[in-house]
Amino acid sequence: MAEPGDANSRWAQMLAAWAIPEQIVAAAPEPPYFFDPQVFIAAADEAISRSYDTPSDLAARGALPLQGTVLDVACGAGAASLRLHPARVTGVDPSTALLTAFTERAARLGIDASTVEGVWPDDEARTGTGDVVVCHHVFYNVSDLAAFASALSHHARHRVIVELTAAHPMGWLAPYWTGLYGLDQPARPTVDDAVAVLAELGYDIRQERWQRHYQMIGETGDQALARIARRLCVPPHRHHELRDLLAKTPPPAKRSVVTLWW
């Protein structure tokens, strides 16, 4: 297996360029980096009740044997794994609330589930292996992608399935950063940069590009303005500016998603 190289270093450098300038964060009424468990719980419930398989589901099913096992890394409430109905599933996540939701939904479906509260790959030794390993919408939060992906592979007996957006998941905010602060957002990394890291590791990557509704990020509905304003560090007295920008350039209804597997 190849060692991490230039593609992995470039990935880390490109991700670092997405940091919000310190002076903007310091002036924000609330921290712009926040976590809402309900978004992930809603995503799991939508996935479990869905009447069709996504390309990610199909890629996982193609390698999951009868009575097979799944390891779900950064599992949330189980959106990536529970609809597969494996005989046994292990969920890894740093959130106690989400692991509780994951366990409750697995029990409801009659799936034997175990959980590991921890961060990947720091806690990989506690997880065991799975016939397939699934990991959805995590890559853009990982600076050392080579180490993260290598650990996924080490724990998969048959296949690793990764789902991520084609471009950075916060890229849709670019018009608002420009309109409010005159800031230009980076164009990279993209999924192609992730694939370059995986190829550098020697993996034979297959992929399928598709579209899904953007509502899964939780920036729709009645709370949309307040949530978007928080991400953009916008104080209440400037909400009218953001409202005008959103009217001119509404958030996208769909996003381009890519399923990678190896």
C-alpha atoms as a PDB file:
ATOM      1  CA  MET A   1       0.000   0.000   0.000  1.00  0.00           C
ATOM      2  CA  ALA A   2       1.334   3.441  -0.918  1.00  0.00           C
ATOM      3  CA  GLU A   3       2.162   5.971   1.783  1.00  0.00           C
ATOM      4  CA  PRO A   4       0.227   9.269   2.077  1.00  0.00           C
ATOM      5  CA  GLY A   5       1.682  11.718  -0.412  1.00  0.00           C
ATOM      6  CA  ASP A   6       1.160  14.956  -2.288  1.00  0.00           C
ATOM      7  CA  ALA A   7      -2.568  14.510  -2.886  1.00  0.00           C
ATOM      8  CA  ASN A   8      -3.185  14.083   0.833  1.00  0.00           C
ATOM      9  CA  SER A   9      -1.148  17.193   1.657  1.00  0.00           C
ATOM     10  CA  ARG A  10      -3.002  19.215  -0.966  1.00  0.00           C
ATOM     11  CA  TRP A  11      -6.318  18.021   0.441  1.00  0.00           C
ATOM     12  CA  ALA A  12      -5.384  19.264   3.929  1.00  0.00           C
ATOM     13  CA  GLN A  13      -4.188  22.612   2.599  1.00  0.00           C
ATOM     14  CA  MET A  14      -7.346  23.148   0.562  1.00  0.00           C
ATOM     15  CA  LEU A  15      -9.578  22.317   3.523  1.00  0.00           C
ATOM     16  CA  ALA A  16      -7.682  24.757   5.732  1.00  0.00           C
ATOM     17  CA  ALA A  17      -8.511  27.553   3.280  1.00  0.00           C
ATOM     18  CA  TRP A  18     -12.194  27.181   4.238  1.00  0.00           C
ATOM     19  CA  ALA A  19     -11.606  28.548   7.744  1.00  0.00           C
ATOM     20  CA  ILE A  20     -13.730  31.623   8.485  1.00  0.00           C
ATOM     21  CA  PRO A  21     -11.490  34.664   9.124  1.00  0.00           C
ATOM     22  CA  GLU A  22     -10.874  35.099  12.854  1.00  0.00           C
ATOM     23  CA  GLN A  23     -12.139  38.679  12.962  1.00  0.00           C
ATOM     24  CA  ILE A  24     -15.515  37.612  11.557  1.00  0.00           C
ATOM     25  CA  VAL A  25     -15.851  34.748  14.032  1.00  0.00           C
ATOM     26  CA  ALA A  26     -14.874  37.050  16.916  1.00  0.00           C
ATOM     27  CA  ALA A  27     -17.644  39.505  16.004  1.00  0.00           C
ATOM     28  CA  ALA A  28     -20.321  36.835  15.514  1.00  0.00           C
ATOM     29  CA  PRO A  29     -23.276  36.779  17.937  1.00  0.00           C
ATOM     30  CA  GLU A  30     -23.048  32.956  18.102  1.00  0.00           C
ATOM     31  CA  PRO A  31     -20.374  30.434  17.082  1.00  0.00           C
ATOM     32  CA  PRO A  32     -20.857  29.587  13.390  1.00  0.00           C
ATOM     33  CA  TYR A  33     -19.801  25.974  13.870  1.00  0.00           C
ATOM     34  CA  PHE A  34     -22.735  24.182  15.417  1.00  0.00           C
ATOM     35  CA  PHE A  35     -24.212  20.731  15.533  1.00  0.00           C
ATOM     36  CA  ASP A  36     -27.934  19.889  15.476  1.00  0.00           C
ATOM     37  CA  PRO A  37     -28.665  16.208  16.259  1.00  0.00           C
ATOM     38  CA  GLN A  38     -32.192  16.581  14.866  1.00  0.00           C
ATOM     39  CA  VAL A  39     -30.827  17.052  11.354  1.00  0.00           C
ATOM     40  CA  PHE A  40     -29.125  13.650  11.510  1.00  0.00           C
ATOM     41  CA  ILE A  41     -32.093  11.986  13.168  1.00  0.00           C
ATOM     42  CA  ALA A  42     -34.404  13.318  10.445  1.00  0.00           C
ATOM     43  CA  ALA A  43     -31.970  12.060   7.788  1.00  0.00           C
ATOM     44  CA  ALA A  44     -32.017   8.570   9.312  1.00  0.00           C
ATOM     45  CA  ASP A  45     -35.802   8.486   9.493  1.00  0.00           C
ATOM     46  CA  GLU A  46     -36.033   9.592   5.867  1.00  0.00           C
ATOM     47  CA  ALA A  47     -33.569   6.901   4.787  1.00  0.00           C
ATOM     48  CA  ILE A  48     -35.302   4.129   6.725  1.00  0.00           C
ATOM     49  CA  SER A  49     -38.721   4.984   5.288  1.00  0.00           C
ATOM     50  CA  ARG A  50     -37.542   5.605   1.721  1.00  0.00           C
ATOM     51  CA  SER A  51     -39.131   3.381  -0.921  1.00  0.00           C
ATOM     52  CA  TYR A  52     -36.050   3.238  -3.161  1.00  0.00           C
ATOM     53  CA  ASP A  53     -32.328   2.593  -2.904  1.00  0.00           C
ATOM     54  CA  THR A  54     -29.768   5.292  -3.624  1.00  0.00           C
ATOM     55  CA  PRO A  55     -26.549   4.458  -5.493  1.00  0.00           C
ATOM     56  CA  SER A  56     -24.835   4.278  -2.092  1.00  0.00           C
ATOM     57  CA  ASP A  57     -27.387   1.739  -0.861  1.00  0.00           C
ATOM     58  CA  LEU A  58     -26.963  -0.343  -4.003  1.00  0.00           C
ATOM     59  CA  ALA A  59     -23.163  -0.294  -3.756  1.00  0.00           C
ATOM     60  CA  ALA A  60     -23.404  -1.542  -0.171  1.00  0.00           C
ATOM     61  CA  ARG A  61     -25.976  -4.227  -0.947  1.00  0.00           C
ATOM     62  CA  GLY A  62     -23.780  -5.500  -3.771  1.00  0.00           C
ATOM     63  CA  ALA A  63     -21.109  -6.568  -1.275  1.00  0.00           C
ATOM     64  CA  LEU A  64     -23.252  -7.420   1.757  1.00  0.00           C
ATOM     65  CA  PRO A  65     -23.711 -11.190   2.167  1.00  0.00           C
ATOM     66  CA  LEU A  66     -26.762 -12.834   3.679  1.00  0.00           C
ATOM     67  CA  GLN A  67     -26.606 -12.291   7.442  1.00  0.00           C
ATOM     68  CA  GLY A  68     -23.833  -9.819   6.781  1.00  0.00           C
ATOM     69  CA  THR A  69     -22.422  -7.128   9.052  1.00  0.00           C
ATOM     70  CA  VAL A  70     -21.978  -3.397   8.566  1.00  0.00           C
ATOM     71  CA  LEU A  71     -19.636  -0.927  10.241  1.00  0.00           C
ATOM     72  CA  ASP A  72     -21.047   2.615  10.007  1.00  0.00           C
ATOM     73  CA  VAL A  73     -18.389   5.264  10.627  1.00  0.00           C
ATOM     74  CA  ALA A  74     -19.734   8.620  11.868  1.00  0.00           C
ATOM     75  CA  CYS A  75     -23.106   6.895  11.843  1.00  0.00           C
ATOM     76  CA  GLY A  76     -25.323   9.679  13.123  1.00  0.00           C
ATOM     77  CA  ALA A  77     -28.705   8.045  13.695  1.00  0.00           C
ATOM     78  CA  GLY A  78     -28.098   5.374  11.041  1.00  0.00           C
ATOM     79  CA  ALA A  79     -28.984   6.957   7.690  1.00  0.00           C
ATOM     80  CA  ALA A  80     -26.218   5.064   5.866  1.00  0.00           C
ATOM     81  CA  SER A  81     -26.609   1.625   7.415  1.00  0.00           C
ATOM     82  CA  LEU A  82     -29.983   0.801   8.923  1.00  0.00           C
ATOM     83  CA  ARG A  83     -31.954   0.707   5.683  1.00  0.00           C
ATOM     84  CA  LEU A  84     -29.596  -2.078   4.555  1.00  0.00           C
ATOM     85  CA  HIS A  85     -31.081  -4.344   7.281  1.00  0.00           C
ATOM     86  CA  PRO A  86     -27.832  -6.156   8.083  1.00  0.00           C
ATOM     87  CA  ALA A  87     -27.842  -8.950  10.619  1.00  0.00           C
ATOM     88  CA  ARG A  88     -25.519  -6.881  12.781  1.00  0.00           C
ATOM     89  CA  VAL A  89     -24.360  -3.272  12.674  1.00  0.00           C
ATOM     90  CA  THR A  90     -21.785  -1.290  14.606  1.00  0.00           C
ATOM     91  CA  GLY A  91     -22.139   2.481  14.726  1.00  0.00           C
ATOM     92  CA  VAL A  92     -19.237   4.777  15.531  1.00  0.00           C
ATOM     93  CA  ASP A  93     -19.944   8.408  16.428  1.00  0.00           C
ATOM     94  CA  PRO A  94     -18.789  11.013  18.973  1.00  0.00           C
ATOM     95  CA  SER A  95     -22.371  11.999  19.878  1.00  0.00           C
ATOM     96  CA  THR A  96     -24.114  10.165  22.717  1.00  0.00           C
ATOM     97  CA  ALA A  97     -27.478  11.532  21.578  1.00  0.00           C
ATOM     98  CA  LEU A  98     -27.043  10.213  18.062  1.00  0.00           C
ATOM     99  CA  LEU A  99     -25.815   6.812  19.217  1.00  0.00           C
ATOM    100  CA  THR A 100     -28.933   6.546  21.381  1.00  0.00           C
ATOM    101  CA  ALA A 101     -31.100   7.395  18.364  1.00  0.00           C
ATOM    102  CA  PHE A 102     -29.121   4.880  16.289  1.00  0.00           C
ATOM    103  CA  THR A 103     -29.664   2.101  18.844  1.00  0.00           C
ATOM    104  CA  GLU A 104     -33.381   2.858  19.175  1.00  0.00           C
ATOM    105  CA  ARG A 105     -33.925   2.689  15.421  1.00  0.00           C
ATOM    106  CA  ALA A 106     -31.892  -0.490  15.042  1.00  0.00           C
ATOM    107  CA  ALA A 107     -33.971  -2.171  17.772  1.00  0.00           C
ATOM    108  CA  ARG A 108     -37.174  -1.064  16.078  1.00  0.00           C
ATOM    109  CA  LEU A 109     -35.982  -2.736  12.871  1.00  0.00           C
ATOM    110  CA  GLY A 110     -34.854  -5.919  14.621  1.00  0.00           C
ATOM    111  CA  ILE A 111     -31.180  -5.296  13.857  1.00  0.00           C
ATOM    112  CA  ASP A 112     -28.525  -6.392  16.350  1.00  0.00           C
ATOM    113  CA  ALA A 113     -26.603  -3.183  17.029  1.00  0.00           C
ATOM    114  CA  SER A 114     -23.580  -2.118  19.015  1.00  0.00           C
ATOM    115  CA  THR A 115     -22.063   1.342  19.329  1.00  0.00           C
ATOM    116  CA  VAL A 116     -18.695   2.937  19.912  1.00  0.00           C
ATOM    117  CA  GLU A 117     -18.656   6.498  21.188  1.00  0.00           C
ATOM    118  CA  GLY A 118     -15.548   7.915  19.641  1.00  0.00           C
ATOM    119  CA  VAL A 119     -13.822   9.615  16.739  1.00  0.00           C
ATOM    120  CA  TRP A 120     -12.504   7.846  13.655  1.00  0.00           C
ATOM    121  CA  PRO A 121      -9.755   6.757  13.201  1.00  0.00           C
ATOM    122  CA  ASP A 122      -8.582   7.451  16.769  1.00  0.00           C
ATOM    123  CA  ASP A 123     -10.926   4.799  18.167  1.00  0.00           C
ATOM    124  CA  GLU A 124     -10.797   2.284  15.318  1.00  0.00           C
ATOM    125  CA  ALA A 125      -9.288  -0.408  17.544  1.00  0.00           C
ATOM    126  CA  ARG A 126     -12.560  -0.604  19.475  1.00  0.00           C
ATOM    127  CA  THR A 127     -14.801  -1.232  16.465  1.00  0.00           C
ATOM    128  CA  GLY A 128     -13.996  -4.601  14.933  1.00  0.00           C
ATOM    129  CA  THR A 129     -14.634  -5.216  11.244  1.00  0.00           C
ATOM    130  CA  GLY A 130     -17.638  -5.417   8.946  1.00  0.00           C
ATOM    131  CA  ASP A 131     -18.441  -7.116   5.677  1.00  0.00           C
ATOM    132  CA  VAL A 132     -18.984  -3.599   4.398  1.00  0.00           C
ATOM    133  CA  VAL A 133     -17.972  -0.264   5.883  1.00  0.00           C
ATOM    134  CA  VAL A 134     -20.120   2.770   5.137  1.00  0.00           C
ATOM    135  CA  CYS A 135     -19.216   6.404   5.758  1.00  0.00           C
ATOM    136  CA  HIS A 136     -21.486   9.214   4.566  1.00  0.00           C
ATOM    137  CA  HIS A 137     -20.736  12.948   4.421  1.00  0.00           C
ATOM    138  CA  VAL A 138     -17.620  13.021   6.559  1.00  0.00           C
ATOM    139  CA  PHE A 139     -14.671  13.428   4.183  1.00  0.00           C
ATOM    140  CA  TYR A 140     -14.795  17.248   4.069  1.00  0.00           C
ATOM    141  CA  ASN A 141     -14.340  17.306   7.851  1.00  0.00           C
ATOM    142  CA  VAL A 142     -11.148  15.236   7.698  1.00  0.00           C
ATOM    143  CA  SER A 143      -7.763  16.863   7.140  1.00  0.00           C
ATOM    144  CA  ASP A 144      -5.698  13.651   7.072  1.00  0.00           C
ATOM    145  CA  LEU A 145      -7.858  11.866   4.545  1.00  0.00           C
ATOM    146  CA  ALA A 146      -5.289   9.169   3.809  1.00  0.00           C
ATOM    147  CA  ALA A 147      -5.203   7.954   7.418  1.00  0.00           C
ATOM    148  CA  PHE A 148      -8.992   8.116   7.669  1.00  0.00           C
ATOM    149  CA  ALA A 149      -9.590   6.157   4.460  1.00  0.00           C
ATOM    150  CA  SER A 150      -6.868   3.614   5.218  1.00  0.00           C
ATOM    151  CA  ALA A 151      -8.572   2.827   8.517  1.00  0.00           C
ATOM    152  CA  LEU A 152     -11.895   2.348   6.711  1.00  0.00           C
ATOM    153  CA  SER A 153     -10.256  -0.170   4.390  1.00  0.00           C
ATOM    154  CA  HIS A 154      -8.574  -2.058   7.220  1.00  0.00           C
ATOM    155  CA  HIS A 155     -11.971  -2.700   8.805  1.00  0.00           C
ATOM    156  CA  ALA A 156     -13.831  -3.799   5.651  1.00  0.00           C
ATOM    157  CA  ARG A 157     -13.862  -7.465   4.660  1.00  0.00           C
ATOM    158  CA  HIS A 158     -15.468  -6.845   1.271  1.00  0.00           C
ATOM    159  CA  ARG A 159     -16.125  -3.182   0.442  1.00  0.00           C
ATOM    160  CA  VAL A 160     -15.953   0.427   1.609  1.00  0.00           C
ATOM    161  CA  ILE A 161     -18.753   2.769   0.500  1.00  0.00           C
ATOM    162  CA  VAL A 162     -18.351   6.521   0.912  1.00  0.00           C
ATOM    163  CA  GLU A 163     -20.936   9.174   0.082  1.00  0.00           C
ATOM    164  CA  LEU A 164     -20.026  12.850  -0.202  1.00  0.00           C
ATOM    165  CA  THR A 165     -21.066  15.969  -2.039  1.00  0.00           C
ATOM    166  CA  ALA A 166     -19.299  16.633  -5.339  1.00  0.00           C
ATOM    167  CA  ALA A 167     -18.107  20.013  -4.022  1.00  0.00           C
ATOM    168  CA  HIS A 168     -17.586  21.284  -0.499  1.00  0.00           C
ATOM    169  CA  PRO A 169     -20.930  21.060   1.368  1.00  0.00           C
ATOM    170  CA  MET A 170     -20.699  24.703   2.434  1.00  0.00           C
ATOM    171  CA  GLY A 171     -19.925  25.913  -1.072  1.00  0.00           C
ATOM    172  CA  TRP A 172     -23.543  26.958  -1.617  1.00  0.00           C
ATOM    173  CA  LEU A 173     -22.961  29.800   0.868  1.00  0.00           C
ATOM    174  CA  ALA A 174     -20.407  31.464  -1.431  1.00  0.00           C
ATOM    175  CA  PRO A 175     -22.745  34.167  -2.870  1.00  0.00           C
ATOM    176  CA  TYR A 176     -23.684  35.246   0.643  1.00  0.00           C
ATOM    177  CA  TRP A 177     -20.097  35.467   1.890  1.00  0.00           C
ATOM    178  CA  THR A 178     -19.325  37.656  -1.112  1.00  0.00           C
ATOM    179  CA  GLY A 179     -22.436  39.809  -0.712  1.00  0.00           C
ATOM    180  CA  LEU A 180     -22.031  40.331   3.021  1.00  0.00           C
ATOM    181  CA  TYR A 181     -18.254  40.518   3.461  1.00  0.00           C
ATOM    182  CA  GLY A 182     -16.681  40.679  -0.012  1.00  0.00           C
ATOM    183  CA  LEU A 183     -15.082  37.289   0.623  1.00  0.00           C
ATOM    184  CA  ASP A 184     -14.461  34.731  -2.102  1.00  0.00           C
ATOM    185  CA  GLN A 185     -14.803  31.104  -1.058  1.00  0.00           C
ATOM    186  CA  PRO A 186     -12.365  28.442  -2.283  1.00  0.00           C
ATOM    187  CA  ALA A 187     -13.437  26.261  -5.198  1.00  0.00           C
ATOM    188  CA  ARG A 188     -11.659  23.179  -3.844  1.00  0.00           C
ATOM    189  CA  PRO A 189     -11.338  20.537  -2.580  1.00  0.00           C
ATOM    190  CA  THR A 190     -13.880  18.576  -4.544  1.00  0.00           C
ATOM    191  CA  VAL A 191     -14.662  14.895  -4.812  1.00  0.00           C
ATOM    192  CA  ASP A 192     -11.980  14.650  -7.504  1.00  0.00           C
ATOM    193  CA  ASP A 193      -9.385  15.715  -4.956  1.00  0.00           C
ATOM    194  CA  ALA A 194     -10.652  13.024  -2.585  1.00  0.00           C
ATOM    195  CA  VAL A 195     -10.387  10.436  -5.346  1.00  0.00           C
ATOM    196  CA  ALA A 196      -6.796  11.564  -5.968  1.00  0.00           C
ATOM    197  CA  VAL A 197      -5.951  10.813  -2.322  1.00  0.00           C
ATOM    198  CA  LEU A 198      -7.576   7.388  -2.541  1.00  0.00           C
ATOM    199  CA  ALA A 199      -5.814   6.600  -5.808  1.00  0.00           C
ATOM    200  CA  GLU A 200      -2.522   7.652  -4.246  1.00  0.00           C
ATOM    201  CA  LEU A 201      -3.179   4.971  -1.609  1.00  0.00           C
ATOM    202  CA  GLY A 202      -3.528   2.389  -4.374  1.00  0.00           C
ATOM    203  CA  TYR A 203      -7.299   1.856  -4.250  1.00  0.00           C
ATOM    204  CA  ASP A 204      -9.258   1.048  -7.391  1.00  0.00           C
ATOM    205  CA  ILE A 205     -12.070   3.564  -6.995  1.00  0.00           C
ATOM    206  CA  ARG A 206     -15.472   3.206  -8.598  1.00  0.00           C
ATOM    207  CA  GLN A 207     -17.952   6.033  -8.477  1.00  0.00           C
ATOM    208  CA  GLU A 208     -21.437   7.169  -9.387  1.00  0.00           C
ATOM    209  CA  ARG A 209     -22.665  10.763  -9.437  1.00  0.00           C
ATOM    210  CA  TRP A 210     -26.256  11.608  -8.673  1.00  0.00           C
ATOM    211  CA  GLN A 211     -28.548  14.247  -7.142  1.00  0.00           C
ATOM    212  CA  ARG A 212     -30.434  14.481  -3.882  1.00  0.00           C
ATOM    213  CA  HIS A 213     -32.592  17.117  -2.219  1.00  0.00           C
ATOM    214  CA  TYR A 214     -30.647  19.677  -0.229  1.00  0.00           C
ATOM    215  CA  GLN A 215     -33.016  19.601   2.752  1.00  0.00           C
ATOM    216  CA  MET A 216     -30.800  17.080   4.534  1.00  0.00           C
ATOM    217  CA  ILE A 217     -28.404  19.811   5.670  1.00  0.00           C
ATOM    218  CA  GLY A 218     -31.190  21.303   7.768  1.00  0.00           C
ATOM    219  CA  GLU A 219     -31.162  24.771   6.222  1.00  0.00           C
ATOM    220  CA  THR A 220     -34.765  24.780   5.050  1.00  0.00           C
ATOM    221  CA  GLY A 221     -38.108  25.517   6.664  1.00  0.00           C
ATOM    222  CA  ASP A 222     -39.088  28.232   9.136  1.00  0.00           C
ATOM    223  CA  GLN A 223     -35.678  28.387  10.805  1.00  0.00           C
ATOM    224  CA  ALA A 224     -33.743  28.783   7.569  1.00  0.00           C
ATOM    225  CA  LEU A 225     -32.868  32.472   7.877  1.00  0.00           C
ATOM    226  CA  ALA A 226     -31.644  32.204  11.470  1.00  0.00           C
ATOM    227  CA  ARG A 227     -29.612  29.070  10.775  1.00  0.00           C
ATOM    228  CA  ILE A 228     -27.994  30.458   7.646  1.00  0.00           C
ATOM    229  CA  ALA A 229     -27.293  33.744   9.435  1.00  0.00           C
ATOM    230  CA  ARG A 230     -25.506  31.850  12.193  1.00  0.00           C
ATOM    231  CA  ARG A 231     -23.341  29.969   9.698  1.00  0.00           C
ATOM    232  CA  LEU A 232     -22.427  33.311   8.126  1.00  0.00           C
ATOM    233  CA  CYS A 233     -21.806  35.086  11.466  1.00  0.00           C
ATOM    234  CA  VAL A 234     -24.520  37.625  10.616  1.00  0.00           C
ATOM    235  CA  PRO A 235     -25.900  39.671  13.538  1.00  0.00           C
ATOM    236  CA  PRO A 236     -29.659  40.330  13.741  1.00  0.00           C
ATOM    237  CA  HIS A 237     -29.361  43.943  12.543  1.00  0.00           C
ATOM    238  CA  ARG A 238     -27.989  42.621   9.214  1.00  0.00           C
ATOM    239  CA  HIS A 239     -30.594  39.898   8.699  1.00  0.00           C
ATOM    240  CA  HIS A 240     -32.377  42.110   6.173  1.00  0.00           C
ATOM    241  CA  GLU A 241     -29.251  42.077   3.988  1.00  0.00           C
ATOM    242  CA  LEU A 242     -29.103  38.292   4.100  1.00  0.00           C
ATOM    243  CA  ARG A 243     -32.833  38.058   3.403  1.00  0.00           C
ATOM    244  CA  ASP A 244     -32.340  40.144   0.235  1.00  0.00           C
ATOM    245  CA  LEU A 245     -29.411  37.992  -0.880  1.00  0.00           C
ATOM    246  CA  LEU A 246     -31.422  34.811  -0.310  1.00  0.00           C
ATOM    247  CA  ALA A 247     -34.264  36.228  -2.393  1.00  0.00           C
ATOM    248  CA  LYS A 248     -31.873  37.002  -5.259  1.00  0.00           C
ATOM    249  CA  THR A 249     -29.956  33.716  -4.980  1.00  0.00           C
ATOM    250  CA  PRO A 250     -32.041  31.091  -3.169  1.00  0.00           C
ATOM    251  CA  PRO A 251     -30.320  28.056  -1.621  1.00  0.00           C
ATOM    252  CA  PRO A 252     -30.151  25.153  -4.082  1.00  0.00           C
ATOM    253  CA  ALA A 253     -33.037  22.707  -4.098  1.00  0.00           C
ATOM    254  CA  LYS A 254     -30.705  19.809  -4.844  1.00  0.00           C
ATOM    255  CA  ARG A 255     -27.063  18.956  -4.483  1.00  0.00           C
ATOM    256  CA  SER A 256     -24.716  16.854  -6.537  1.00  0.00           C
ATOM    257  CA  VAL A 257     -23.657  13.762  -4.576  1.00  0.00           C
ATOM    258  CA  VAL A 258     -21.080  11.104  -5.372  1.00  0.00           C
ATOM    259  CA  THR A 259     -20.900   7.507  -4.186  1.00  0.00           C
ATOM    260  CA  LEU A 260     -17.357   6.109  -4.078  1.00  0.00           C
ATOM    261  CA  TRP A 261     -16.568   2.481  -3.401  1.00  0.00           C
ATOM    262  CA  TRP A 262     -13.559   0.189  -3.389  1.00  0.00           C
END
